[in-house]
N, C-alpha and C. Protein backbone atom coordinates (compact mmCIF):
# COMPACT_ATOMS: atom_id res chain seq x y z
N MET A 1 160.94 180.66 94.92
CA MET A 1 162.55 181.47 95.94
C MET A 1 162.11 180.16 96.47
N HIS A 2 163.38 179.19 96.80
CA HIS A 2 164.27 179.56 97.79
C HIS A 2 164.52 179.44 98.97
N PRO A 3 164.79 179.34 100.35
CA PRO A 3 165.02 179.94 100.95
C PRO A 3 166.49 179.89 101.67
N GLU A 4 167.06 180.32 102.09
CA GLU A 4 169.08 180.36 102.20
C GLU A 4 168.95 179.73 103.85
N THR A 5 168.61 180.83 104.51
CA THR A 5 168.94 180.82 106.31
C THR A 5 167.03 179.96 106.58
N LEU A 6 167.16 179.67 108.35
CA LEU A 6 166.10 179.60 108.54
C LEU A 6 165.00 181.23 108.80
N GLU A 7 165.81 182.10 109.07
CA GLU A 7 165.04 183.30 108.65
C GLU A 7 164.31 183.38 107.56
N GLN A 8 164.23 182.76 106.27
CA GLN A 8 163.76 183.43 105.27
C GLN A 8 162.82 182.01 105.33
N LEU A 9 163.36 180.86 105.98
CA LEU A 9 161.99 180.06 105.73
C LEU A 9 160.75 180.09 106.57
N LEU A 10 161.40 180.74 107.77
CA LEU A 10 160.32 181.50 108.62
C LEU A 10 159.66 182.73 108.41
N PHE A 11 159.47 182.99 107.43
CA PHE A 11 159.71 184.89 107.17
C PHE A 11 158.49 183.66 106.07
N LEU A 12 158.69 183.16 105.34
CA LEU A 12 158.11 182.59 103.92
C LEU A 12 157.34 181.62 104.75
N GLN A 13 156.98 180.79 105.36
CA GLN A 13 155.43 180.11 106.73
C GLN A 13 154.87 181.47 106.84
N LYS A 14 155.32 182.25 107.35
CA LYS A 14 154.90 182.96 108.03
C LYS A 14 153.48 184.05 107.08
N ASN A 15 154.70 184.21 105.69
CA ASN A 15 153.81 184.99 105.00
C ASN A 15 152.66 184.32 103.54
N ARG A 16 152.70 182.95 103.87
CA ARG A 16 151.95 182.00 103.12
C ARG A 16 151.03 181.58 104.02
N SER A 17 150.83 181.77 104.77
CA SER A 17 149.77 182.00 106.02
C SER A 17 148.78 182.40 105.99
N LEU A 18 149.61 183.78 105.71
CA LEU A 18 148.99 185.42 106.02
C LEU A 18 147.28 185.31 104.74
N TRP A 19 148.37 184.47 103.41
CA TRP A 19 147.69 184.54 102.15
C TRP A 19 146.06 183.25 101.90
N ASN A 20 145.11 183.82 102.63
CA ASN A 20 144.27 182.60 102.42
C ASN A 20 143.47 183.08 101.31
N GLU A 21 142.24 182.44 101.01
CA GLU A 21 141.51 182.17 100.16
C GLU A 21 140.73 183.24 100.84
N ALA A 22 140.42 184.07 101.82
CA ALA A 22 139.51 184.99 102.40
C ALA A 22 140.49 185.72 101.85
N THR A 23 141.79 186.45 102.98
CA THR A 23 141.95 187.82 102.29
C THR A 23 142.54 187.84 100.54
N VAL A 24 142.86 186.84 99.62
CA VAL A 24 142.33 186.82 98.47
C VAL A 24 141.49 187.11 97.81
N ALA A 25 139.82 186.96 98.26
CA ALA A 25 139.45 186.90 97.90
C ALA A 25 138.91 188.59 98.33
N GLY A 26 138.98 188.48 99.49
CA GLY A 26 138.62 190.32 99.70
C GLY A 26 139.90 191.11 98.76
N ILE A 27 140.35 190.97 98.77
CA ILE A 27 141.16 191.50 97.68
C ILE A 27 140.97 192.47 96.30
N LEU A 28 140.43 190.94 96.09
CA LEU A 28 139.83 190.83 94.58
C LEU A 28 138.85 191.63 94.54
N HIS A 29 137.78 191.41 95.27
CA HIS A 29 136.16 191.60 95.12
C HIS A 29 136.63 193.75 96.13
N GLN A 30 137.76 194.04 96.42
CA GLN A 30 137.42 195.74 96.79
C GLN A 30 136.72 196.56 95.59
N PRO A 31 135.82 197.20 96.18
CA PRO A 31 135.17 198.41 95.08
C PRO A 31 136.56 199.25 94.96
N ARG A 32 136.52 199.95 93.37
CA ARG A 32 137.78 200.30 92.80
C ARG A 32 137.43 201.87 93.15
N THR A 33 138.25 202.49 93.89
CA THR A 33 138.07 203.47 94.14
C THR A 33 138.23 204.42 93.28
N PRO A 34 137.72 206.37 93.37
CA PRO A 34 137.89 206.87 92.17
C PRO A 34 139.22 207.36 91.49
N LYS A 35 139.83 207.17 93.08
CA LYS A 35 141.43 207.67 92.72
C LYS A 35 142.12 206.48 91.69
N LYS A 36 141.62 205.23 92.34
CA LYS A 36 142.58 204.27 91.66
C LYS A 36 141.91 204.63 90.04
N ARG A 37 140.44 204.37 89.95
CA ARG A 37 140.33 204.90 88.41
C ARG A 37 140.94 205.72 87.86
N ARG A 38 141.16 206.77 88.77
CA ARG A 38 141.45 208.28 87.29
C ARG A 38 142.94 207.49 87.37
N LEU A 39 144.12 207.27 88.27
CA LEU A 39 145.36 207.71 87.75
C LEU A 39 145.16 205.72 86.77
N ARG A 40 144.48 205.10 86.48
CA ARG A 40 144.48 204.12 85.61
C ARG A 40 143.58 204.76 84.22
N GLU A 41 142.93 205.50 83.80
CA GLU A 41 142.57 206.07 83.30
C GLU A 41 143.31 206.80 82.56
N SER A 42 144.39 208.07 83.15
CA SER A 42 144.96 208.48 83.46
C SER A 42 146.46 208.27 81.93
N MET A 43 146.62 206.50 82.62
CA MET A 43 147.56 205.61 82.16
C MET A 43 147.63 204.80 80.68
N SER A 44 146.07 205.36 80.18
CA SER A 44 145.36 204.64 79.06
C SER A 44 146.34 205.28 77.82
N PRO A 45 146.12 204.13 77.00
CA PRO A 45 147.15 204.63 75.69
C PRO A 45 146.24 205.68 74.60
N ASP A 46 145.26 205.11 74.62
CA ASP A 46 144.03 205.88 73.64
C ASP A 46 144.07 207.02 74.11
N MET A 47 144.94 207.65 74.51
CA MET A 47 144.75 209.42 75.02
C MET A 47 145.84 210.15 73.61
């Protein structure tokens, strides 16, 4: 995405600064909740 305005540029810079290695690793290593597991299983094509 190429920002067209200063506002868009500042938004992208702020957004990128929030996505560091620690936040991404934290999201990836969250334990699966039963609700998410049930949802994934209900969408499974082998039913």
